[in-house]
C-alpha atoms as a PDB file:
ATOM      1  CA  MET A   1      -0.012  -0.034   0.051  1.00  0.00           C
ATOM      2  CA  ASP A   2       1.423   3.436  -0.946  1.00  0.00           C
ATOM      3  CA  HIS A   3       1.158   6.520   1.198  1.00  0.00           C
ATOM      4  CA  LEU A   4      -2.107   7.649  -0.433  1.00  0.00           C
ATOM      5  CA  GLY A   5      -3.730   4.326   0.188  1.00  0.00           C
ATOM      6  CA  GLN A   6      -2.557   4.413   3.800  1.00  0.00           C
ATOM      7  CA  MET A   7      -3.961   7.832   4.295  1.00  0.00           C
ATOM      8  CA  CYS A   8      -7.406   6.608   2.933  1.00  0.00           C
ATOM      9  CA  ALA A   9      -7.273   3.630   5.393  1.00  0.00           C
ATOM     10  CA  ASP A  10      -6.275   5.843   8.400  1.00  0.00           C
ATOM     11  CA  GLY A  11      -9.109   8.203   7.592  1.00  0.00           C
ATOM     12  CA  LYS A  12     -11.636   5.518   7.456  1.00  0.00           C
ATOM     13  CA  GLN A  13     -10.468   3.965  10.680  1.00  0.00           C
ATOM     14  CA  THR A  14     -10.480   7.418  12.265  1.00  0.00           C
ATOM     15  CA  ALA A  15     -13.908   8.146  11.070  1.00  0.00           C
ATOM     16  CA  GLU A  16     -15.052   4.798  12.435  1.00  0.00           C
ATOM     17  CA  TYR A  17     -13.609   5.614  15.812  1.00  0.00           C
ATOM     18  CA  LEU A  18     -16.062   8.720  15.827  1.00  0.00           C
ATOM     19  CA  TRP A  19     -18.932   6.317  16.333  1.00  0.00           C
ATOM     20  CA  GLN A  20     -17.788   5.845  19.845  1.00  0.00           C
ATOM     21  CA  VAL A  21     -16.425   9.408  20.639  1.00  0.00           C
ATOM     22  CA  PRO A  22     -18.164  11.730  18.042  1.00  0.00           C
ATOM     23  CA  LYS A  23     -16.900  14.943  19.620  1.00  0.00           C
ATOM     24  CA  ASP A  24     -13.227  13.986  19.939  1.00  0.00           C
ATOM     25  CA  PRO A  25     -11.438  17.143  18.627  1.00  0.00           C
ATOM     26  CA  ALA A  26      -8.045  15.314  17.966  1.00  0.00           C
ATOM     27  CA  ALA A  27      -9.816  12.670  15.808  1.00  0.00           C
ATOM     28  CA  ARG A  28     -11.722  15.485  13.814  1.00  0.00           C
ATOM     29  CA  GLN A  29      -8.446  17.378  13.332  1.00  0.00           C
ATOM     30  CA  LYS A  30      -6.771  14.119  12.087  1.00  0.00           C
ATOM     31  CA  ILE A  31      -9.483  13.701   9.591  1.00  0.00           C
ATOM     32  CA  MET A  32      -9.139  17.357   8.356  1.00  0.00           C
ATOM     33  CA  ASP A  33      -5.322  16.834   8.059  1.00  0.00           C
ATOM     34  CA  LEU A  34      -5.734  13.594   6.168  1.00  0.00           C
ATOM     35  CA  LEU A  35      -8.296  15.029   3.760  1.00  0.00           C
ATOM     36  CA  ILE A  36      -5.862  17.918   2.971  1.00  0.00           C
ATOM     37  CA  GLN A  37      -3.065  15.431   2.374  1.00  0.00           C
ATOM     38  CA  ILE A  38      -5.250  13.115   0.409  1.00  0.00           C
ATOM     39  CA  GLY A  39      -6.163  16.077  -1.929  1.00  0.00           C
ATOM     40  CA  ILE A  40      -2.657  17.086  -2.378  1.00  0.00           C
ATOM     41  CA  GLU A  41      -1.161  13.554  -2.974  1.00  0.00           C
ATOM     42  CA  SER A  42      -3.936  12.526  -5.274  1.00  0.00           C
ATOM     43  CA  LEU A  43      -3.499  15.501  -7.491  1.00  0.00           C
ATOM     44  CA  LYS A  44       0.127  14.749  -7.680  1.00  0.00           C
ATOM     45  CA  GLN A  45      -0.770  11.271  -8.910  1.00  0.00           C
ATOM     46  CA  GLY A  46      -3.337  12.771 -11.451  1.00  0.00           C
ATOM     47  CA  ARG A  47      -6.345  11.367  -9.680  1.00  0.00           C
ATOM     48  CA  HIS A  48      -8.769  14.384 -10.151  1.00  0.00           C
ATOM     49  CA  GLU A  49     -11.787  12.590  -8.672  1.00  0.00           C
ATOM     50  CA  MET A  50     -10.225  12.123  -5.200  1.00  0.00           C
ATOM     51  CA  PRO A  51      -9.525  15.756  -4.426  1.00  0.00           C
ATOM     52  CA  ARG A  52     -13.131  16.671  -5.279  1.00  0.00           C
ATOM     53  CA  LEU A  53     -14.416  14.028  -2.827  1.00  0.00           C
ATOM     54  CA  ALA A  54     -11.872  15.063  -0.237  1.00  0.00           C
ATOM     55  CA  GLU A  55     -13.280  18.625  -0.496  1.00  0.00           C
ATOM     56  CA  GLU A  56     -16.757  17.390   0.092  1.00  0.00           C
ATOM     57  CA  LEU A  57     -15.685  15.477   3.015  1.00  0.00           C
ATOM     58  CA  LYS A  58     -14.011  18.426   4.587  1.00  0.00           C
ATOM     59  CA  VAL A  59     -17.399  20.100   4.653  1.00  0.00           C
ATOM     60  CA  ALA A  60     -18.846  16.979   6.382  1.00  0.00           C
ATOM     61  CA  ALA A  61     -16.002  16.893   8.923  1.00  0.00           C
ATOM     62  CA  GLN A  62     -16.717  20.534   9.991  1.00  0.00           C
ATOM     63  CA  ALA A  63     -20.409  19.831  10.486  1.00  0.00           C
ATOM     64  CA  SER A  64     -21.823  19.284  13.992  1.00  0.00           C
ATOM     65  CA  PRO A  65     -21.262  15.848  15.391  1.00  0.00           C
ATOM     66  CA  SER A  66     -24.049  13.401  14.609  1.00  0.00           C
ATOM     67  CA  PRO A  67     -24.595   9.935  13.551  1.00  0.00           C
ATOM     68  CA  ARG A  68     -25.372  11.033  10.094  1.00  0.00           C
ATOM     69  CA  GLN A  69     -22.121  13.070   9.792  1.00  0.00           C
ATOM     70  CA  VAL A  70     -20.057  10.180  11.002  1.00  0.00           C
ATOM     71  CA  GLU A  71     -21.713   7.868   8.473  1.00  0.00           C
ATOM     72  CA  LEU A  72     -20.987  10.405   5.641  1.00  0.00           C
ATOM     73  CA  LEU A  73     -17.224  10.422   6.782  1.00  0.00           C
ATOM     74  CA  VAL A  74     -16.928   6.659   6.923  1.00  0.00           C
ATOM     75  CA  ASP A  75     -18.823   6.117   3.571  1.00  0.00           C
ATOM     76  CA  GLY A  76     -16.617   8.930   2.006  1.00  0.00           C
ATOM     77  CA  PHE A  77     -13.326   7.427   3.216  1.00  0.00           C
ATOM     78  CA  ASP A  78     -14.582   4.051   1.882  1.00  0.00           C
ATOM     79  CA  ARG A  79     -15.181   5.687  -1.565  1.00  0.00           C
ATOM     80  CA  LEU A  80     -11.708   7.145  -1.455  1.00  0.00           C
ATOM     81  CA  THR A  81     -10.153   3.774  -0.677  1.00  0.00           C
ATOM     82  CA  LYS A  82     -12.029   2.189  -3.491  1.00  0.00           C
ATOM     83  CA  LEU A  83     -10.912   4.973  -5.962  1.00  0.00           C
ATOM     84  CA  TRP A  84      -7.350   4.417  -4.799  1.00  0.00           C
ATOM     85  CA  GLN A  85      -7.636   0.613  -5.301  1.00  0.00           C
ATOM     86  CA  ALA A  86      -9.344   0.996  -8.744  1.00  0.00           C
ATOM     87  CA  ALA A  87      -6.380   3.331  -9.804  1.00  0.00           C
ATOM     88  CA  LYS A  88      -3.745   0.975  -8.507  1.00  0.00           C
ATOM     89  CA  SER A  89      -5.302  -2.001 -10.369  1.00  0.00           C
ATOM     90  CA  GLY A  90      -5.487  -0.022 -13.612  1.00  0.00           C
ATOM     91  CA  LEU A  91      -9.253   0.328 -13.704  1.00  0.00           C
ATOM     92  CA  LEU A  92      -9.123   4.133 -13.655  1.00  0.00           C
END
């Protein structure tokens, strides 16, 4: 797994953690930092769909903590991971 894939996996794991502690400010900051880095790294690799999704997830990450917000983040990181996997396997 390259650095971009690891960031996607770390983001999903952190978002899943928010199910237990939805207001954890350190976890929320980690998610924001990962989304910024995912946007930068995926652009470097020519993956234009991933930065757009990362920007959408930043909006969700800044919303008030709620089960729906956590679900959006988990699903979004899952989508980022699938996009990364598809690109790695040559499907994109």
